[in-house]
Amino acid sequence: MQADAARRRIRSDATSLFVRGFGYAFIGLFALCCLLPFLLVLGTSFTNEGTIAKHGFNIWPREFSTFAYKIVFENPDLILGAYGVTIFITIVGTAVGLFLVAMTGYALQRPDFQQRNAISFFIYFTTLFSGGIVPFYLLVKQYLGLGDNYLAVLLPGLMSPFLIIMMKSFTKSIPHAITESAKIDGAGDFTIFLRLILPMATPALATIGLFIALGYWNEWYNAMLFLSPDMKYRPLQLFLYNVITSADFIRNSSAASNVPLRDMPLESMKMATAVVATGPVILFYPFVQRYFIQGITVGAVKG
């Protein structure tokens, strides 16, 4: 009997070791597949345009060149200003939006809030139907008067129905008895929210905060609609988009005029702008990855 138990234990350990090794190998291969596109973008951004046209994209530059970055950073004052505008909008929008989303999600899951079902329906309704671009433009531009104002970029991204529903699902995991006991001790609703709910909702706050921050960091459409070209500093994504479109226009115009313009690094510029736009996000993500995974998991289970 002891020999049979030992053999079963050995087979179990061997099976566990095989499954674990297979899992590590699969995750490592998947991580490599996710990493290769970033390496391809980075390598191509430092590659000569003629080499790209001849050999295609490569992870390691065949002919090293920084010409694309020289064009992108041709006006350092403008790109630094674009970085400053984007960082300011991202920080302020994330802080305010995170507070509003957290407060709304917490209120909607409170059993003692009588209007929670009606308000939840209206929030969910906006995920199915919207007024469209024209009413949105008229609202922001004419009725609110936010043309050429950074608030036109900041305000629309403060709250999202998806994020409110995610926060509501997460705060359901916090026992309502904590709120009741705090009320017995004399704490108000706002004190309960600040001192009890927010500290326990750190994973959800990190997850939702990352979503809001990425939305603001990648924002360019509202900036294109409401910020005129006369403004000196516009968000980073719109600035890089204008750099690419200008280079493409110059290249196409020269081709139509039968003027050779082979030195314009259009393809490498696209990759360089991608590096410039995503670099800070990649550096920031590891600090919130642990909370991000936990918040996504809890939100999915509780939803």
C-alpha atoms as a PDB file:
ATOM      1  CA  MET A   1       0.000   0.000   0.000  1.00  0.00           C
ATOM      2  CA  GLN A   2       2.802   2.391   0.832  1.00  0.00           C
ATOM      3  CA  ALA A   3       4.498   1.594  -2.504  1.00  0.00           C
ATOM      4  CA  ASP A   4       1.258   2.350  -4.380  1.00  0.00           C
ATOM      5  CA  ALA A   5       0.823   5.602  -2.484  1.00  0.00           C
ATOM      6  CA  ALA A   6       4.410   6.564  -3.291  1.00  0.00           C
ATOM      7  CA  ARG A   7       3.897   5.807  -6.986  1.00  0.00           C
ATOM      8  CA  ARG A   8       0.701   7.864  -7.059  1.00  0.00           C
ATOM      9  CA  ARG A   9       2.494  10.732  -5.339  1.00  0.00           C
ATOM     10  CA  ILE A  10       5.302  10.581  -7.905  1.00  0.00           C
ATOM     11  CA  ARG A  11       2.838  10.542 -10.794  1.00  0.00           C
ATOM     12  CA  SER A  12       0.954  13.487  -9.229  1.00  0.00           C
ATOM     13  CA  ASP A  13       4.175  15.461  -8.797  1.00  0.00           C
ATOM     14  CA  ALA A  14       5.234  14.680 -12.367  1.00  0.00           C
ATOM     15  CA  THR A  15       1.837  15.755 -13.706  1.00  0.00           C
ATOM     16  CA  SER A  16       1.918  18.961 -11.658  1.00  0.00           C
ATOM     17  CA  LEU A  17       5.449  19.691 -12.878  1.00  0.00           C
ATOM     18  CA  PHE A  18       4.416  19.095 -16.494  1.00  0.00           C
ATOM     19  CA  VAL A  19       1.338  21.305 -16.223  1.00  0.00           C
ATOM     20  CA  ARG A  20       3.333  24.045 -14.528  1.00  0.00           C
ATOM     21  CA  GLY A  21       6.100  23.872 -17.109  1.00  0.00           C
ATOM     22  CA  PHE A  22       3.598  23.913 -19.960  1.00  0.00           C
ATOM     23  CA  GLY A  23       1.864  26.917 -18.399  1.00  0.00           C
ATOM     24  CA  TYR A  24       5.108  28.844 -17.980  1.00  0.00           C
ATOM     25  CA  ALA A  25       6.139  28.041 -21.543  1.00  0.00           C
ATOM     26  CA  PHE A  26       2.763  29.124 -22.937  1.00  0.00           C
ATOM     27  CA  ILE A  27       2.739  32.367 -20.925  1.00  0.00           C
ATOM     28  CA  GLY A  28       6.336  33.084 -21.932  1.00  0.00           C
ATOM     29  CA  LEU A  29       5.510  32.521 -25.603  1.00  0.00           C
ATOM     30  CA  PHE A  30       2.425  34.723 -25.331  1.00  0.00           C
ATOM     31  CA  ALA A  31       4.444  37.468 -23.612  1.00  0.00           C
ATOM     32  CA  LEU A  32       7.034  37.236 -26.392  1.00  0.00           C
ATOM     33  CA  CYS A  33       4.304  37.617 -29.020  1.00  0.00           C
ATOM     34  CA  CYS A  34       3.095  40.744 -27.212  1.00  0.00           C
ATOM     35  CA  LEU A  35       6.627  42.126 -26.913  1.00  0.00           C
ATOM     36  CA  LEU A  36       7.654  41.608 -30.548  1.00  0.00           C
ATOM     37  CA  PRO A  37       5.368  44.331 -31.990  1.00  0.00           C
ATOM     38  CA  PHE A  38       6.844  46.904 -29.582  1.00  0.00           C
ATOM     39  CA  LEU A  39      10.366  45.856 -30.539  1.00  0.00           C
ATOM     40  CA  LEU A  40       9.383  46.064 -34.209  1.00  0.00           C
ATOM     41  CA  VAL A  41       8.027  49.588 -33.758  1.00  0.00           C
ATOM     42  CA  LEU A  42      11.124  50.650 -31.820  1.00  0.00           C
ATOM     43  CA  GLY A  43      13.550  49.144 -34.325  1.00  0.00           C
ATOM     44  CA  THR A  44      11.750  50.586 -37.337  1.00  0.00           C
ATOM     45  CA  SER A  45      11.711  54.060 -35.799  1.00  0.00           C
ATOM     46  CA  PHE A  46      15.532  54.035 -35.862  1.00  0.00           C
ATOM     47  CA  THR A  47      15.772  52.664 -39.419  1.00  0.00           C
ATOM     48  CA  ASN A  48      16.591  54.615 -42.566  1.00  0.00           C
ATOM     49  CA  GLU A  49      13.547  55.177 -44.808  1.00  0.00           C
ATOM     50  CA  GLY A  50      15.260  53.708 -47.875  1.00  0.00           C
ATOM     51  CA  THR A  51      16.111  50.552 -45.959  1.00  0.00           C
ATOM     52  CA  ILE A  52      12.474  50.204 -44.893  1.00  0.00           C
ATOM     53  CA  ALA A  53      11.324  50.538 -48.510  1.00  0.00           C
ATOM     54  CA  LYS A  54      13.857  47.936 -49.626  1.00  0.00           C
ATOM     55  CA  HIS A  55      13.823  45.368 -46.805  1.00  0.00           C
ATOM     56  CA  GLY A  56      10.632  46.106 -44.897  1.00  0.00           C
ATOM     57  CA  PHE A  57      10.239  46.386 -41.147  1.00  0.00           C
ATOM     58  CA  ASN A  58      12.869  44.814 -38.891  1.00  0.00           C
ATOM     59  CA  ILE A  59      13.333  44.505 -35.162  1.00  0.00           C
ATOM     60  CA  TRP A  60      17.020  45.410 -35.442  1.00  0.00           C
ATOM     61  CA  PRO A  61      17.776  48.432 -37.672  1.00  0.00           C
ATOM     62  CA  ARG A  62      19.743  47.450 -40.791  1.00  0.00           C
ATOM     63  CA  GLU A  63      20.810  51.072 -41.258  1.00  0.00           C
ATOM     64  CA  PHE A  64      20.590  53.132 -38.074  1.00  0.00           C
ATOM     65  CA  SER A  65      19.041  56.588 -38.421  1.00  0.00           C
ATOM     66  CA  THR A  66      17.558  59.151 -36.038  1.00  0.00           C
ATOM     67  CA  PHE A  67      16.205  61.362 -38.810  1.00  0.00           C
ATOM     68  CA  ALA A  68      12.583  60.539 -37.938  1.00  0.00           C
ATOM     69  CA  TYR A  69      13.070  61.700 -34.350  1.00  0.00           C
ATOM     70  CA  LYS A  70      14.808  64.855 -35.566  1.00  0.00           C
ATOM     71  CA  ILE A  71      11.710  65.764 -37.567  1.00  0.00           C
ATOM     72  CA  VAL A  72       9.341  64.886 -34.710  1.00  0.00           C
ATOM     73  CA  PHE A  73      11.397  66.985 -32.275  1.00  0.00           C
ATOM     74  CA  GLU A  74      12.116  69.703 -34.838  1.00  0.00           C
ATOM     75  CA  ASN A  75      10.167  72.169 -32.691  1.00  0.00           C
ATOM     76  CA  PRO A  76      10.983  71.106 -29.107  1.00  0.00           C
ATOM     77  CA  ASP A  77       8.939  73.945 -27.657  1.00  0.00           C
ATOM     78  CA  LEU A  78       5.780  72.695 -29.359  1.00  0.00           C
ATOM     79  CA  ILE A  79       6.220  69.046 -28.436  1.00  0.00           C
ATOM     80  CA  LEU A  80       7.129  69.892 -24.827  1.00  0.00           C
ATOM     81  CA  GLY A  81       4.054  72.103 -24.687  1.00  0.00           C
ATOM     82  CA  ALA A  82       1.957  69.257 -26.107  1.00  0.00           C
ATOM     83  CA  TYR A  83       3.392  66.936 -23.466  1.00  0.00           C
ATOM     84  CA  GLY A  84       2.587  69.498 -20.781  1.00  0.00           C
ATOM     85  CA  VAL A  85      -1.020  69.907 -21.952  1.00  0.00           C
ATOM     86  CA  THR A  86      -1.561  66.156 -22.144  1.00  0.00           C
ATOM     87  CA  ILE A  87       0.024  65.483 -18.755  1.00  0.00           C
ATOM     88  CA  PHE A  88      -2.032  68.245 -17.130  1.00  0.00           C
ATOM     89  CA  ILE A  89      -5.300  67.034 -18.675  1.00  0.00           C
ATOM     90  CA  THR A  90      -4.485  63.424 -17.795  1.00  0.00           C
ATOM     91  CA  ILE A  91      -3.647  64.137 -14.149  1.00  0.00           C
ATOM     92  CA  VAL A  92      -6.550  66.488 -13.488  1.00  0.00           C
ATOM     93  CA  GLY A  93      -9.060  64.437 -15.486  1.00  0.00           C
ATOM     94  CA  THR A  94      -8.002  61.172 -13.856  1.00  0.00           C
ATOM     95  CA  ALA A  95      -8.196  62.578 -10.328  1.00  0.00           C
ATOM     96  CA  VAL A  96     -11.581  64.260 -10.780  1.00  0.00           C
ATOM     97  CA  GLY A  97     -13.049  61.478 -12.923  1.00  0.00           C
ATOM     98  CA  LEU A  98     -11.887  58.771 -10.523  1.00  0.00           C
ATOM     99  CA  PHE A  99     -13.506  60.552  -7.605  1.00  0.00           C
ATOM    100  CA  LEU A 100     -16.809  61.048  -9.457  1.00  0.00           C
ATOM    101  CA  VAL A 101     -16.915  57.476 -10.797  1.00  0.00           C
ATOM    102  CA  ALA A 102     -16.093  56.007  -7.380  1.00  0.00           C
ATOM    103  CA  MET A 103     -18.706  58.120  -5.629  1.00  0.00           C
ATOM    104  CA  THR A 104     -21.371  57.306  -8.232  1.00  0.00           C
ATOM    105  CA  GLY A 105     -20.625  53.570  -8.233  1.00  0.00           C
ATOM    106  CA  TYR A 106     -20.686  53.415  -4.434  1.00  0.00           C
ATOM    107  CA  ALA A 107     -23.983  55.317  -4.198  1.00  0.00           C
ATOM    108  CA  LEU A 108     -25.682  53.118  -6.797  1.00  0.00           C
ATOM    109  CA  GLN A 109     -24.962  49.909  -4.881  1.00  0.00           C
ATOM    110  CA  ARG A 110     -26.216  51.212  -1.518  1.00  0.00           C
ATOM    111  CA  PRO A 111     -29.383  49.269  -0.564  1.00  0.00           C
ATOM    112  CA  ASP A 112     -30.738  52.317   1.277  1.00  0.00           C
ATOM    113  CA  PHE A 113     -30.566  54.509  -1.861  1.00  0.00           C
ATOM    114  CA  GLN A 114     -34.116  54.342  -3.225  1.00  0.00           C
ATOM    115  CA  GLN A 115     -33.444  55.840  -6.678  1.00  0.00           C
ATOM    116  CA  ARG A 116     -30.502  53.549  -7.469  1.00  0.00           C
ATOM    117  CA  ASN A 117     -32.403  51.381  -9.983  1.00  0.00           C
ATOM    118  CA  ALA A 118     -33.796  54.328 -11.953  1.00  0.00           C
ATOM    119  CA  ILE A 119     -30.445  56.106 -12.128  1.00  0.00           C
ATOM    120  CA  SER A 120     -28.671  52.857 -13.030  1.00  0.00           C
ATOM    121  CA  PHE A 121     -31.132  52.394 -15.899  1.00  0.00           C
ATOM    122  CA  PHE A 122     -30.412  55.869 -17.293  1.00  0.00           C
ATOM    123  CA  ILE A 123     -26.666  55.244 -17.065  1.00  0.00           C
ATOM    124  CA  TYR A 124     -26.995  51.892 -18.789  1.00  0.00           C
ATOM    125  CA  PHE A 125     -29.319  53.404 -21.417  1.00  0.00           C
ATOM    126  CA  THR A 126     -26.519  55.672 -22.632  1.00  0.00           C
ATOM    127  CA  THR A 127     -24.438  52.613 -23.547  1.00  0.00           C
ATOM    128  CA  LEU A 128     -27.129  51.584 -26.062  1.00  0.00           C
ATOM    129  CA  PHE A 129     -28.112  54.947 -27.564  1.00  0.00           C
ATOM    130  CA  SER A 130     -26.393  58.289 -27.977  1.00  0.00           C
ATOM    131  CA  GLY A 131     -27.336  61.654 -29.402  1.00  0.00           C
ATOM    132  CA  GLY A 132     -24.651  61.538 -32.087  1.00  0.00           C
ATOM    133  CA  ILE A 133     -21.775  63.768 -33.043  1.00  0.00           C
ATOM    134  CA  VAL A 134     -23.773  66.796 -34.200  1.00  0.00           C
ATOM    135  CA  PRO A 135     -25.761  67.318 -30.962  1.00  0.00           C
ATOM    136  CA  PHE A 136     -22.578  66.701 -28.981  1.00  0.00           C
ATOM    137  CA  TYR A 137     -20.713  69.304 -31.004  1.00  0.00           C
ATOM    138  CA  LEU A 138     -23.527  71.851 -30.671  1.00  0.00           C
ATOM    139  CA  LEU A 139     -23.733  71.238 -26.923  1.00  0.00           C
ATOM    140  CA  VAL A 140     -20.032  71.740 -26.297  1.00  0.00           C
ATOM    141  CA  LYS A 141     -19.378  74.452 -28.878  1.00  0.00           C
ATOM    142  CA  GLN A 142     -22.493  76.620 -28.734  1.00  0.00           C
ATOM    143  CA  TYR A 143     -24.433  75.967 -25.533  1.00  0.00           C
ATOM    144  CA  LEU A 144     -21.440  75.493 -23.234  1.00  0.00           C
ATOM    145  CA  GLY A 145     -19.180  77.833 -25.184  1.00  0.00           C
ATOM    146  CA  LEU A 146     -16.083  75.674 -24.765  1.00  0.00           C
ATOM    147  CA  GLY A 147     -14.554  76.233 -28.182  1.00  0.00           C
ATOM    148  CA  ASP A 148     -10.757  76.634 -27.968  1.00  0.00           C
ATOM    149  CA  ASN A 149     -10.951  75.630 -24.326  1.00  0.00           C
ATOM    150  CA  TYR A 150      -9.172  72.664 -22.761  1.00  0.00           C
ATOM    151  CA  LEU A 151     -12.349  71.932 -20.792  1.00  0.00           C
ATOM    152  CA  ALA A 152     -13.839  70.646 -24.062  1.00  0.00           C
ATOM    153  CA  VAL A 153     -11.265  67.846 -23.890  1.00  0.00           C
ATOM    154  CA  LEU A 154     -11.387  67.406 -20.118  1.00  0.00           C
ATOM    155  CA  LEU A 155     -15.106  67.278 -19.333  1.00  0.00           C
ATOM    156  CA  PRO A 156     -16.380  64.574 -21.772  1.00  0.00           C
ATOM    157  CA  GLY A 157     -13.963  61.981 -20.399  1.00  0.00           C
ATOM    158  CA  LEU A 158     -14.683  62.433 -16.698  1.00  0.00           C
ATOM    159  CA  MET A 159     -17.322  59.709 -16.438  1.00  0.00           C
ATOM    160  CA  SER A 160     -18.061  56.562 -18.402  1.00  0.00           C
ATOM    161  CA  PRO A 161     -21.032  54.186 -17.972  1.00  0.00           C
ATOM    162  CA  PHE A 162     -18.729  51.183 -18.274  1.00  0.00           C
ATOM    163  CA  LEU A 163     -16.470  52.440 -15.491  1.00  0.00           C
ATOM    164  CA  ILE A 164     -19.420  53.318 -13.258  1.00  0.00           C
ATOM    165  CA  ILE A 165     -20.823  49.808 -13.678  1.00  0.00           C
ATOM    166  CA  MET A 166     -17.389  48.330 -12.935  1.00  0.00           C
ATOM    167  CA  MET A 167     -17.070  50.416  -9.768  1.00  0.00           C
ATOM    168  CA  LYS A 168     -20.582  49.507  -8.717  1.00  0.00           C
ATOM    169  CA  SER A 169     -19.794  45.811  -9.160  1.00  0.00           C
ATOM    170  CA  PHE A 170     -16.619  46.094  -7.117  1.00  0.00           C
ATOM    171  CA  THR A 171     -18.138  48.012  -4.203  1.00  0.00           C
ATOM    172  CA  LYS A 172     -20.800  45.314  -3.894  1.00  0.00           C
ATOM    173  CA  SER A 173     -18.049  43.105  -2.465  1.00  0.00           C
ATOM    174  CA  ILE A 174     -17.686  45.510   0.482  1.00  0.00           C
ATOM    175  CA  PRO A 175     -20.148  44.456   3.227  1.00  0.00           C
ATOM    176  CA  HIS A 176     -22.904  46.969   3.861  1.00  0.00           C
ATOM    177  CA  ALA A 177     -22.516  46.222   7.569  1.00  0.00           C
ATOM    178  CA  ILE A 178     -19.389  48.397   7.543  1.00  0.00           C
ATOM    179  CA  THR A 179     -21.457  51.374   6.435  1.00  0.00           C
ATOM    180  CA  GLU A 180     -24.150  50.646   9.020  1.00  0.00           C
ATOM    181  CA  SER A 181     -21.664  50.297  11.869  1.00  0.00           C
ATOM    182  CA  ALA A 182     -19.969  53.550  10.864  1.00  0.00           C
ATOM    183  CA  LYS A 183     -23.349  55.315  10.851  1.00  0.00           C
ATOM    184  CA  ILE A 184     -24.024  54.006  14.360  1.00  0.00           C
ATOM    185  CA  ASP A 185     -20.733  55.555  15.433  1.00  0.00           C
ATOM    186  CA  GLY A 186     -21.910  58.903  14.053  1.00  0.00           C
ATOM    187  CA  ALA A 187     -20.043  59.042  10.740  1.00  0.00           C
ATOM    188  CA  GLY A 188     -21.695  60.769   7.796  1.00  0.00           C
ATOM    189  CA  ASP A 189     -22.008  59.352   4.291  1.00  0.00           C
ATOM    190  CA  PHE A 190     -19.147  61.413   2.912  1.00  0.00           C
ATOM    191  CA  THR A 191     -16.873  60.450   5.816  1.00  0.00           C
ATOM    192  CA  ILE A 192     -17.735  56.788   5.299  1.00  0.00           C
ATOM    193  CA  PHE A 193     -16.939  57.081   1.616  1.00  0.00           C
ATOM    194  CA  LEU A 194     -13.596  58.819   2.129  1.00  0.00           C
ATOM    195  CA  ARG A 195     -12.268  56.946   5.153  1.00  0.00           C
ATOM    196  CA  LEU A 196     -13.716  53.453   4.723  1.00  0.00           C
ATOM    197  CA  ILE A 197     -14.806  52.760   1.148  1.00  0.00           C
ATOM    198  CA  LEU A 198     -11.965  54.354  -0.810  1.00  0.00           C
ATOM    199  CA  PRO A 199      -9.138  52.594   1.109  1.00  0.00           C
ATOM    200  CA  MET A 200     -10.832  49.214   0.598  1.00  0.00           C
ATOM    201  CA  ALA A 201     -11.457  49.911  -3.101  1.00  0.00           C
ATOM    202  CA  THR A 202      -7.789  50.458  -4.005  1.00  0.00           C
ATOM    203  CA  PRO A 203      -7.694  47.710  -6.726  1.00  0.00           C
ATOM    204  CA  ALA A 204     -10.799  49.090  -8.410  1.00  0.00           C
ATOM    205  CA  LEU A 205      -9.498  52.656  -8.156  1.00  0.00           C
ATOM    206  CA  ALA A 206      -6.192  51.662  -9.765  1.00  0.00           C
ATOM    207  CA  THR A 207      -7.982  49.820 -12.564  1.00  0.00           C
ATOM    208  CA  ILE A 208     -10.500  52.562 -13.294  1.00  0.00           C
ATOM    209  CA  GLY A 209      -7.845  55.236 -12.911  1.00  0.00           C
ATOM    210  CA  LEU A 210      -5.705  53.509 -15.516  1.00  0.00           C
ATOM    211  CA  PHE A 211      -8.644  53.358 -17.935  1.00  0.00           C
ATOM    212  CA  ILE A 212      -9.397  57.054 -17.447  1.00  0.00           C
ATOM    213  CA  ALA A 213      -5.739  58.045 -17.739  1.00  0.00           C
ATOM    214  CA  LEU A 214      -5.287  56.064 -20.957  1.00  0.00           C
ATOM    215  CA  GLY A 215      -8.414  57.664 -22.373  1.00  0.00           C
ATOM    216  CA  TYR A 216      -7.078  61.151 -21.706  1.00  0.00           C
ATOM    217  CA  TRP A 217      -3.564  60.282 -22.855  1.00  0.00           C
ATOM    218  CA  ASN A 218      -4.827  58.954 -26.207  1.00  0.00           C
ATOM    219  CA  GLU A 219      -7.406  61.708 -26.681  1.00  0.00           C
ATOM    220  CA  TRP A 220      -7.212  63.502 -29.998  1.00  0.00           C
ATOM    221  CA  TYR A 221     -10.695  63.489 -31.532  1.00  0.00           C
ATOM    222  CA  ASN A 222     -12.348  65.991 -29.176  1.00  0.00           C
ATOM    223  CA  ALA A 223      -9.216  68.132 -29.378  1.00  0.00           C
ATOM    224  CA  MET A 224      -9.489  68.099 -33.168  1.00  0.00           C
ATOM    225  CA  LEU A 225     -13.161  69.105 -32.973  1.00  0.00           C
ATOM    226  CA  PHE A 226     -12.972  71.891 -30.414  1.00  0.00           C
ATOM    227  CA  LEU A 227      -9.384  73.207 -30.409  1.00  0.00           C
ATOM    228  CA  SER A 228      -8.515  75.351 -33.412  1.00  0.00           C
ATOM    229  CA  PRO A 229      -5.093  75.286 -35.114  1.00  0.00           C
ATOM    230  CA  ASP A 230      -4.542  78.835 -33.817  1.00  0.00           C
ATOM    231  CA  MET A 231      -3.903  77.436 -30.338  1.00  0.00           C
ATOM    232  CA  LYS A 232      -0.160  77.104 -29.807  1.00  0.00           C
ATOM    233  CA  TYR A 233      -0.260  74.040 -27.585  1.00  0.00           C
ATOM    234  CA  ARG A 234      -2.608  71.167 -28.259  1.00  0.00           C
ATOM    235  CA  PRO A 235      -2.661  67.620 -26.831  1.00  0.00           C
ATOM    236  CA  LEU A 236       0.209  65.299 -27.726  1.00  0.00           C
ATOM    237  CA  GLN A 237      -1.758  62.828 -29.828  1.00  0.00           C
ATOM    238  CA  LEU A 238      -3.224  65.573 -31.998  1.00  0.00           C
ATOM    239  CA  PHE A 239       0.197  67.190 -32.356  1.00  0.00           C
ATOM    240  CA  LEU A 240       1.763  63.906 -33.520  1.00  0.00           C
ATOM    241  CA  TYR A 241      -1.192  63.270 -35.834  1.00  0.00           C
ATOM    242  CA  ASN A 242      -0.645  66.666 -37.449  1.00  0.00           C
ATOM    243  CA  VAL A 243       3.072  65.926 -37.861  1.00  0.00           C
ATOM    244  CA  ILE A 244       2.294  62.700 -39.721  1.00  0.00           C
ATOM    245  CA  THR A 245      -0.418  64.230 -41.917  1.00  0.00           C
ATOM    246  CA  SER A 246       1.830  67.180 -42.785  1.00  0.00           C
ATOM    247  CA  ALA A 247       4.682  64.869 -43.783  1.00  0.00           C
ATOM    248  CA  ASP A 248       2.300  62.735 -45.833  1.00  0.00           C
ATOM    249  CA  PHE A 249       0.901  65.834 -47.559  1.00  0.00           C
ATOM    250  CA  ILE A 250       4.391  67.110 -48.417  1.00  0.00           C
ATOM    251  CA  ARG A 251       5.402  63.733 -49.791  1.00  0.00           C
ATOM    252  CA  ASN A 252       2.260  63.366 -51.901  1.00  0.00           C
ATOM    253  CA  SER A 253       2.535  66.945 -53.172  1.00  0.00           C
ATOM    254  CA  SER A 254       6.120  66.415 -54.247  1.00  0.00           C
ATOM    255  CA  ALA A 255       5.174  63.174 -55.989  1.00  0.00           C
ATOM    256  CA  ALA A 256       2.364  64.927 -57.848  1.00  0.00           C
ATOM    257  CA  SER A 257       4.798  67.662 -58.899  1.00  0.00           C
ATOM    258  CA  ASN A 258       7.345  65.093 -60.115  1.00  0.00           C
ATOM    259  CA  VAL A 259       9.768  66.284 -57.471  1.00  0.00           C
ATOM    260  CA  PRO A 260      11.643  63.388 -55.860  1.00  0.00           C
ATOM    261  CA  LEU A 261      11.428  63.476 -52.082  1.00  0.00           C
ATOM    262  CA  ARG A 262      12.851  60.184 -50.959  1.00  0.00           C
ATOM    263  CA  ASP A 263      14.389  61.552 -47.765  1.00  0.00           C
ATOM    264  CA  MET A 264      11.042  62.133 -46.054  1.00  0.00           C
ATOM    265  CA  PRO A 265      10.995  59.318 -43.423  1.00  0.00           C
ATOM    266  CA  LEU A 266       7.246  58.810 -43.409  1.00  0.00           C
ATOM    267  CA  GLU A 267       7.182  55.169 -42.266  1.00  0.00           C
ATOM    268  CA  SER A 268       9.865  55.617 -39.620  1.00  0.00           C
ATOM    269  CA  MET A 269       8.095  58.797 -38.465  1.00  0.00           C
ATOM    270  CA  LYS A 270       4.929  56.808 -37.839  1.00  0.00           C
ATOM    271  CA  MET A 271       6.867  54.415 -35.640  1.00  0.00           C
ATOM    272  CA  ALA A 272       8.716  57.265 -33.912  1.00  0.00           C
ATOM    273  CA  THR A 273       5.451  58.996 -33.032  1.00  0.00           C
ATOM    274  CA  ALA A 274       4.144  55.690 -31.643  1.00  0.00           C
ATOM    275  CA  VAL A 275       7.226  55.439 -29.425  1.00  0.00           C
ATOM    276  CA  VAL A 276       6.890  59.047 -28.281  1.00  0.00           C
ATOM    277  CA  ALA A 277       3.190  58.574 -27.483  1.00  0.00           C
ATOM    278  CA  THR A 278       3.346  55.182 -25.733  1.00  0.00           C
ATOM    279  CA  GLY A 279       6.694  55.437 -23.950  1.00  0.00           C
ATOM    280  CA  PRO A 280       5.450  57.149 -20.753  1.00  0.00           C
ATOM    281  CA  VAL A 281       2.465  54.785 -20.532  1.00  0.00           C
ATOM    282  CA  ILE A 282       4.706  51.703 -20.766  1.00  0.00           C
ATOM    283  CA  LEU A 283       6.958  53.078 -18.023  1.00  0.00           C
ATOM    284  CA  PHE A 284       3.985  53.851 -15.758  1.00  0.00           C
ATOM    285  CA  TYR A 285       2.014  50.620 -16.219  1.00  0.00           C
ATOM    286  CA  PRO A 286       4.209  48.283 -14.052  1.00  0.00           C
ATOM    287  CA  PHE A 287       3.437  50.387 -10.976  1.00  0.00           C
ATOM    288  CA  VAL A 288      -0.326  49.687 -11.223  1.00  0.00           C
ATOM    289  CA  GLN A 289      -0.249  46.241 -12.845  1.00  0.00           C
ATOM    290  CA  ARG A 290      -0.876  44.353  -9.600  1.00  0.00           C
ATOM    291  CA  TYR A 291      -3.923  46.443  -8.713  1.00  0.00           C
ATOM    292  CA  PHE A 292      -5.098  46.453 -12.331  1.00  0.00           C
ATOM    293  CA  ILE A 293      -5.268  42.643 -12.549  1.00  0.00           C
ATOM    294  CA  GLN A 294      -6.993  42.334  -9.180  1.00  0.00           C
ATOM    295  CA  GLY A 295      -9.546  45.025 -10.026  1.00  0.00           C
ATOM    296  CA  ILE A 296     -10.350  43.496 -13.425  1.00  0.00           C
ATOM    297  CA  THR A 297     -10.821  40.047 -11.865  1.00  0.00           C
ATOM    298  CA  VAL A 298     -13.093  41.216  -9.062  1.00  0.00           C
ATOM    299  CA  GLY A 299     -15.153  43.390 -11.400  1.00  0.00           C
ATOM    300  CA  ALA A 300     -15.636  40.495 -13.798  1.00  0.00           C
ATOM    301  CA  VAL A 301     -16.669  38.043 -11.082  1.00  0.00           C
ATOM    302  CA  LYS A 302     -19.022  40.407  -9.309  1.00  0.00           C
ATOM    303  CA  GLY A 303     -20.590  41.731 -12.509  1.00  0.00           C
END
